Amino acid sequence: MDVAVVYESEFGNTRVIAEAVADGVREAALDTRVAVLRVGEATPDKIGEAALAVVGGPTHMLGMSKASSRQKALEVVEKASAEGRDDVKGEPGIEGPGVREWLDALPGQPRGHKAAAFDARLPFPLSGGASRSIARGLRRHGYDVVAKPAGFVVEGVEGPLRGGESDRAKAWGAGLARHLAAESAR
């Protein structure tokens, strides 16, 4: 079985979550091949044959990132660099495309392809989350979303992840793998 974990990340937090989800899938389903791909690398040929596509991104302004919000993240990185700070680093692909644009360009899938969605979000109740919108976008393209969208907490805009969130993401990934295995055994 193949699983594709597709992510967008500006400061590295969503990448860490994606890698933890992939680790959980690998541990729960040892015969599974897992590819972890930035959205810019996740071409249809790389995800088309996956039994499960797990897609995640950061939460910007209550939902998925936009070109304007990614530009603001890039400005934060550039400002930190100009100040000689090395505590704020930008991820490759910070300027885009993001999950929103990736979903817009995603070709439709025949029914039966499975997916799940996650996001990185701030710890405040009104900070919103991108995962529900990602799940809706996946459904629009023919995916069956097999799990409730998940949100993982970062302590600030640049991070870090809240303690325990990486482990929680790993457990969520393992749960996805077990769900998929149970479905295929039926």
C-alpha atoms as a PDB file:
ATOM      1  CA  MET A   1       0.000   0.000   0.000  1.00  0.00           C
ATOM      2  CA  ASP A   2       1.228   3.521  -0.814  1.00  0.00           C
ATOM      3  CA  VAL A   3       0.491   6.619   1.266  1.00  0.00           C
ATOM      4  CA  ALA A   4       1.314  10.197   0.253  1.00  0.00           C
ATOM      5  CA  VAL A   5       1.643  12.838   2.972  1.00  0.00           C
ATOM      6  CA  VAL A   6       1.466  16.242   1.294  1.00  0.00           C
ATOM      7  CA  TYR A   7       2.195  19.398   3.260  1.00  0.00           C
ATOM      8  CA  GLU A   8       2.763  23.136   3.098  1.00  0.00           C
ATOM      9  CA  SER A   9       5.051  24.645   5.729  1.00  0.00           C
ATOM     10  CA  GLU A  10       6.483  28.110   6.262  1.00  0.00           C
ATOM     11  CA  PHE A  11       8.478  27.726   9.485  1.00  0.00           C
ATOM     12  CA  GLY A  12       8.861  23.940   9.675  1.00  0.00           C
ATOM     13  CA  ASN A  13       6.080  23.083  12.110  1.00  0.00           C
ATOM     14  CA  THR A  14       3.708  21.576   9.545  1.00  0.00           C
ATOM     15  CA  ARG A  15       6.615  19.618   8.049  1.00  0.00           C
ATOM     16  CA  VAL A  16       7.362  18.135  11.489  1.00  0.00           C
ATOM     17  CA  ILE A  17       3.701  17.140  11.820  1.00  0.00           C
ATOM     18  CA  ALA A  18       3.719  15.588   8.323  1.00  0.00           C
ATOM     19  CA  GLU A  19       6.844  13.584   9.156  1.00  0.00           C
ATOM     20  CA  ALA A  20       5.297  12.397  12.444  1.00  0.00           C
ATOM     21  CA  VAL A  21       2.101  11.327  10.640  1.00  0.00           C
ATOM     22  CA  ALA A  22       4.243   9.404   8.137  1.00  0.00           C
ATOM     23  CA  ASP A  23       6.177   7.731  10.977  1.00  0.00           C
ATOM     24  CA  GLY A  24       2.898   6.652  12.558  1.00  0.00           C
ATOM     25  CA  VAL A  25       1.662   5.170   9.278  1.00  0.00           C
ATOM     26  CA  ARG A  26       4.959   3.307   8.793  1.00  0.00           C
ATOM     27  CA  GLU A  27       4.913   1.853  12.306  1.00  0.00           C
ATOM     28  CA  ALA A  28       1.268   0.739  12.126  1.00  0.00           C
ATOM     29  CA  ALA A  29       1.505  -0.718   8.624  1.00  0.00           C
ATOM     30  CA  LEU A  30       5.000  -2.054   8.045  1.00  0.00           C
ATOM     31  CA  ASP A  31       4.324  -3.024   4.420  1.00  0.00           C
ATOM     32  CA  THR A  32       3.341   0.546   3.526  1.00  0.00           C
ATOM     33  CA  ARG A  33       5.471   2.875   1.413  1.00  0.00           C
ATOM     34  CA  VAL A  34       5.076   6.454   2.567  1.00  0.00           C
ATOM     35  CA  ALA A  35       6.136   9.517   0.585  1.00  0.00           C
ATOM     36  CA  VAL A  36       6.328  12.861   2.392  1.00  0.00           C
ATOM     37  CA  LEU A  37       6.044  15.648  -0.183  1.00  0.00           C
ATOM     38  CA  ARG A  38       5.926  19.443  -0.095  1.00  0.00           C
ATOM     39  CA  VAL A  39       2.969  20.692  -2.142  1.00  0.00           C
ATOM     40  CA  GLY A  40       5.336  21.878  -4.864  1.00  0.00           C
ATOM     41  CA  GLU A  41       6.616  18.301  -5.263  1.00  0.00           C
ATOM     42  CA  ALA A  42       3.235  16.549  -5.006  1.00  0.00           C
ATOM     43  CA  THR A  43       2.460  16.130  -8.678  1.00  0.00           C
ATOM     44  CA  PRO A  44      -0.550  14.024  -9.704  1.00  0.00           C
ATOM     45  CA  ASP A  45       1.703  11.157 -10.832  1.00  0.00           C
ATOM     46  CA  LYS A  46       3.309  11.014  -7.364  1.00  0.00           C
ATOM     47  CA  ILE A  47       0.018  10.858  -5.467  1.00  0.00           C
ATOM     48  CA  GLY A  48      -2.340   9.302  -8.005  1.00  0.00           C
ATOM     49  CA  GLU A  49      -1.666   5.697  -7.033  1.00  0.00           C
ATOM     50  CA  ALA A  50      -1.611   6.289  -3.275  1.00  0.00           C
ATOM     51  CA  ALA A  51      -4.231   4.364  -1.317  1.00  0.00           C
ATOM     52  CA  LEU A  52      -4.324   7.333   1.069  1.00  0.00           C
ATOM     53  CA  ALA A  53      -3.456  10.998   0.594  1.00  0.00           C
ATOM     54  CA  VAL A  54      -2.897  12.892   3.852  1.00  0.00           C
ATOM     55  CA  VAL A  55      -2.808  16.638   3.225  1.00  0.00           C
ATOM     56  CA  GLY A  56      -1.929  19.409   5.653  1.00  0.00           C
ATOM     57  CA  GLY A  57      -0.976  23.023   5.942  1.00  0.00           C
ATOM     58  CA  PRO A  58      -0.647  25.919   8.341  1.00  0.00           C
ATOM     59  CA  THR A  59      -3.609  27.969   9.457  1.00  0.00           C
ATOM     60  CA  HIS A  60      -3.474  31.571   8.227  1.00  0.00           C
ATOM     61  CA  MET A  61      -6.225  34.051   9.041  1.00  0.00           C
ATOM     62  CA  LEU A  62      -8.618  31.294  10.223  1.00  0.00           C
ATOM     63  CA  GLY A  63      -8.133  29.011   7.199  1.00  0.00           C
ATOM     64  CA  MET A  64      -5.779  27.891   4.442  1.00  0.00           C
ATOM     65  CA  SER A  65      -2.897  30.134   3.479  1.00  0.00           C
ATOM     66  CA  LYS A  66      -3.117  32.537   0.560  1.00  0.00           C
ATOM     67  CA  ALA A  67      -0.385  34.136  -1.506  1.00  0.00           C
ATOM     68  CA  SER A  68      -0.705  37.304   0.618  1.00  0.00           C
ATOM     69  CA  SER A  69      -0.362  35.459   3.936  1.00  0.00           C
ATOM     70  CA  ARG A  70       2.623  33.468   2.659  1.00  0.00           C
ATOM     71  CA  GLN A  71       4.192  36.789   1.634  1.00  0.00           C
ATOM     72  CA  LYS A  72       3.809  37.999   5.224  1.00  0.00           C
ATOM     73  CA  ALA A  73       5.525  34.830   6.479  1.00  0.00           C
ATOM     74  CA  LEU A  74       8.360  35.408   4.015  1.00  0.00           C
ATOM     75  CA  GLU A  75       8.690  38.989   5.293  1.00  0.00           C
ATOM     76  CA  VAL A  76       9.022  37.681   8.867  1.00  0.00           C
ATOM     77  CA  VAL A  77      11.882  35.420   7.736  1.00  0.00           C
ATOM     78  CA  GLU A  78      13.572  38.214   5.774  1.00  0.00           C
ATOM     79  CA  LYS A  79      13.287  40.630   8.705  1.00  0.00           C
ATOM     80  CA  ALA A  80      14.795  38.097  11.114  1.00  0.00           C
ATOM     81  CA  SER A  81      17.648  37.467   8.667  1.00  0.00           C
ATOM     82  CA  ALA A  82      18.289  41.209   8.252  1.00  0.00           C
ATOM     83  CA  GLU A  83      18.458  41.515  12.054  1.00  0.00           C
ATOM     84  CA  GLY A  84      21.013  38.707  12.172  1.00  0.00           C
ATOM     85  CA  ARG A  85      18.631  36.375  14.009  1.00  0.00           C
ATOM     86  CA  ASP A  86      18.917  32.690  13.273  1.00  0.00           C
ATOM     87  CA  ASP A  87      15.928  31.608  15.395  1.00  0.00           C
ATOM     88  CA  VAL A  88      13.426  32.130  12.545  1.00  0.00           C
ATOM     89  CA  LYS A  89      14.043  30.073   9.426  1.00  0.00           C
ATOM     90  CA  GLY A  90      11.867  29.749   6.371  1.00  0.00           C
ATOM     91  CA  GLU A  91      11.116  26.419   4.762  1.00  0.00           C
ATOM     92  CA  PRO A  92      11.839  25.671   1.100  1.00  0.00           C
ATOM     93  CA  GLY A  93       8.788  26.697  -0.898  1.00  0.00           C
ATOM     94  CA  ILE A  94       7.643  29.297   1.647  1.00  0.00           C
ATOM     95  CA  GLU A  95       6.649  31.606  -1.197  1.00  0.00           C
ATOM     96  CA  GLY A  96       4.211  29.053  -2.615  1.00  0.00           C
ATOM     97  CA  PRO A  97       2.300  27.399  -4.037  1.00  0.00           C
ATOM     98  CA  GLY A  98       0.291  26.460  -0.980  1.00  0.00           C
ATOM     99  CA  VAL A  99      -2.286  23.788  -0.309  1.00  0.00           C
ATOM    100  CA  ARG A 100      -5.061  26.083  -1.602  1.00  0.00           C
ATOM    101  CA  GLU A 101      -3.453  26.398  -5.047  1.00  0.00           C
ATOM    102  CA  TRP A 102      -2.456  22.734  -5.036  1.00  0.00           C
ATOM    103  CA  LEU A 103      -6.058  21.704  -4.408  1.00  0.00           C
ATOM    104  CA  ASP A 104      -7.288  24.055  -7.153  1.00  0.00           C
ATOM    105  CA  ALA A 105      -4.962  22.341  -9.644  1.00  0.00           C
ATOM    106  CA  LEU A 106      -5.585  18.803  -8.388  1.00  0.00           C
ATOM    107  CA  PRO A 107      -7.288  16.595 -10.959  1.00  0.00           C
ATOM    108  CA  GLY A 108     -10.420  14.770  -9.901  1.00  0.00           C
ATOM    109  CA  GLN A 109     -10.081  11.243  -8.590  1.00  0.00           C
ATOM    110  CA  PRO A 110     -12.402   8.348  -9.214  1.00  0.00           C
ATOM    111  CA  ARG A 111     -14.352   7.356  -6.113  1.00  0.00           C
ATOM    112  CA  GLY A 112     -12.496   5.066  -3.786  1.00  0.00           C
ATOM    113  CA  HIS A 113      -9.379   7.165  -3.242  1.00  0.00           C
ATOM    114  CA  LYS A 114      -9.002   7.890   0.468  1.00  0.00           C
ATOM    115  CA  ALA A 115      -7.769  11.068   2.115  1.00  0.00           C
ATOM    116  CA  ALA A 116      -7.341  12.827   5.440  1.00  0.00           C
ATOM    117  CA  ALA A 117      -6.576  16.448   6.349  1.00  0.00           C
ATOM    118  CA  PHE A 118      -4.597  18.171   9.110  1.00  0.00           C
ATOM    119  CA  ASP A 119      -3.323  21.610  10.016  1.00  0.00           C
ATOM    120  CA  ALA A 120      -0.999  23.491  12.334  1.00  0.00           C
ATOM    121  CA  ARG A 121      -2.865  26.096  14.380  1.00  0.00           C
ATOM    122  CA  LEU A 122      -2.418  28.530  17.230  1.00  0.00           C
ATOM    123  CA  PRO A 123      -3.656  27.519  20.696  1.00  0.00           C
ATOM    124  CA  PHE A 124      -6.502  30.033  20.853  1.00  0.00           C
ATOM    125  CA  PRO A 125     -10.139  28.952  20.426  1.00  0.00           C
ATOM    126  CA  LEU A 126     -10.805  31.625  17.794  1.00  0.00           C
ATOM    127  CA  SER A 127      -7.636  31.008  15.745  1.00  0.00           C
ATOM    128  CA  GLY A 128      -9.510  28.772  13.308  1.00  0.00           C
ATOM    129  CA  GLY A 129      -8.063  25.905  11.364  1.00  0.00           C
ATOM    130  CA  ALA A 130      -7.260  24.997   7.780  1.00  0.00           C
ATOM    131  CA  SER A 131      -8.004  21.264   7.988  1.00  0.00           C
ATOM    132  CA  ARG A 132     -11.770  21.461   7.425  1.00  0.00           C
ATOM    133  CA  SER A 133     -11.258  23.511   4.259  1.00  0.00           C
ATOM    134  CA  ILE A 134      -8.579  21.086   3.085  1.00  0.00           C
ATOM    135  CA  ALA A 135     -10.974  18.167   3.663  1.00  0.00           C
ATOM    136  CA  ARG A 136     -13.703  19.968   1.675  1.00  0.00           C
ATOM    137  CA  GLY A 137     -11.263  20.556  -1.179  1.00  0.00           C
ATOM    138  CA  LEU A 138     -10.302  16.889  -1.188  1.00  0.00           C
ATOM    139  CA  ARG A 139     -13.967  15.840  -1.278  1.00  0.00           C
ATOM    140  CA  ARG A 140     -14.594  18.210  -4.216  1.00  0.00           C
ATOM    141  CA  HIS A 141     -11.915  16.311  -6.116  1.00  0.00           C
ATOM    142  CA  GLY A 142     -13.500  12.918  -5.481  1.00  0.00           C
ATOM    143  CA  TYR A 143     -11.605  11.773  -2.393  1.00  0.00           C
ATOM    144  CA  ASP A 144     -13.367   9.947   0.436  1.00  0.00           C
ATOM    145  CA  VAL A 145     -12.194  11.679   3.619  1.00  0.00           C
ATOM    146  CA  VAL A 146     -11.765   8.834   6.117  1.00  0.00           C
ATOM    147  CA  ALA A 147     -11.029  10.728   9.345  1.00  0.00           C
ATOM    148  CA  LYS A 148     -12.150  13.849  11.136  1.00  0.00           C
ATOM    149  CA  PRO A 149      -9.792  16.700  10.142  1.00  0.00           C
ATOM    150  CA  ALA A 150      -7.076  17.116  12.767  1.00  0.00           C
ATOM    151  CA  GLY A 151      -5.470  20.246  14.168  1.00  0.00           C
ATOM    152  CA  PHE A 152      -2.062  20.281  15.853  1.00  0.00           C
ATOM    153  CA  VAL A 153      -1.066  23.203  18.053  1.00  0.00           C
ATOM    154  CA  VAL A 154       1.905  25.530  17.640  1.00  0.00           C
ATOM    155  CA  GLU A 155       2.791  27.942  20.431  1.00  0.00           C
ATOM    156  CA  GLY A 156       3.359  30.950  18.173  1.00  0.00           C
ATOM    157  CA  VAL A 157       3.317  31.979  14.538  1.00  0.00           C
ATOM    158  CA  GLU A 158       6.855  30.661  14.012  1.00  0.00           C
ATOM    159  CA  GLY A 159       6.357  27.771  16.444  1.00  0.00           C
ATOM    160  CA  PRO A 160       7.458  25.632  18.112  1.00  0.00           C
ATOM    161  CA  LEU A 161       4.972  22.811  18.232  1.00  0.00           C
ATOM    162  CA  ARG A 162       3.314  22.459  21.609  1.00  0.00           C
ATOM    163  CA  GLY A 163       4.829  19.649  23.657  1.00  0.00           C
ATOM    164  CA  GLY A 164       3.323  16.267  22.786  1.00  0.00           C
ATOM    165  CA  GLU A 165       1.867  17.352  19.433  1.00  0.00           C
ATOM    166  CA  SER A 166       4.415  15.421  17.405  1.00  0.00           C
ATOM    167  CA  ASP A 167       3.507  12.260  19.341  1.00  0.00           C
ATOM    168  CA  ARG A 168      -0.188  12.996  18.848  1.00  0.00           C
ATOM    169  CA  ALA A 169       0.400  13.403  15.091  1.00  0.00           C
ATOM    170  CA  LYS A 170       2.251  10.092  15.014  1.00  0.00           C
ATOM    171  CA  ALA A 171      -0.642   8.372  16.818  1.00  0.00           C
ATOM    172  CA  TRP A 172      -3.116   9.980  14.386  1.00  0.00           C
ATOM    173  CA  GLY A 173      -1.105   8.648  11.445  1.00  0.00           C
ATOM    174  CA  ALA A 174      -1.056   5.169  12.997  1.00  0.00           C
ATOM    175  CA  GLY A 175      -4.825   5.363  13.401  1.00  0.00           C
ATOM    176  CA  LEU A 176      -5.225   6.272   9.741  1.00  0.00           C
ATOM    177  CA  ALA A 177      -3.123   3.253   8.737  1.00  0.00           C
ATOM    178  CA  ARG A 178      -5.144   0.903  10.963  1.00  0.00           C
ATOM    179  CA  HIS A 179      -8.401   2.292   9.566  1.00  0.00           C
ATOM    180  CA  LEU A 180      -7.211   1.781   5.999  1.00  0.00           C
ATOM    181  CA  ALA A 181      -6.011  -1.753   6.759  1.00  0.00           C
ATOM    182  CA  ALA A 182      -9.359  -2.640   8.364  1.00  0.00           C
ATOM    183  CA  GLU A 183     -11.259  -1.269   5.369  1.00  0.00           C
ATOM    184  CA  SER A 184      -9.159  -3.226   2.893  1.00  0.00           C
ATOM    185  CA  ALA A 185      -9.605  -6.428   4.935  1.00  0.00           C
ATOM    186  CA  ARG A 186     -13.396  -6.253   4.529  1.00  0.00           C
END
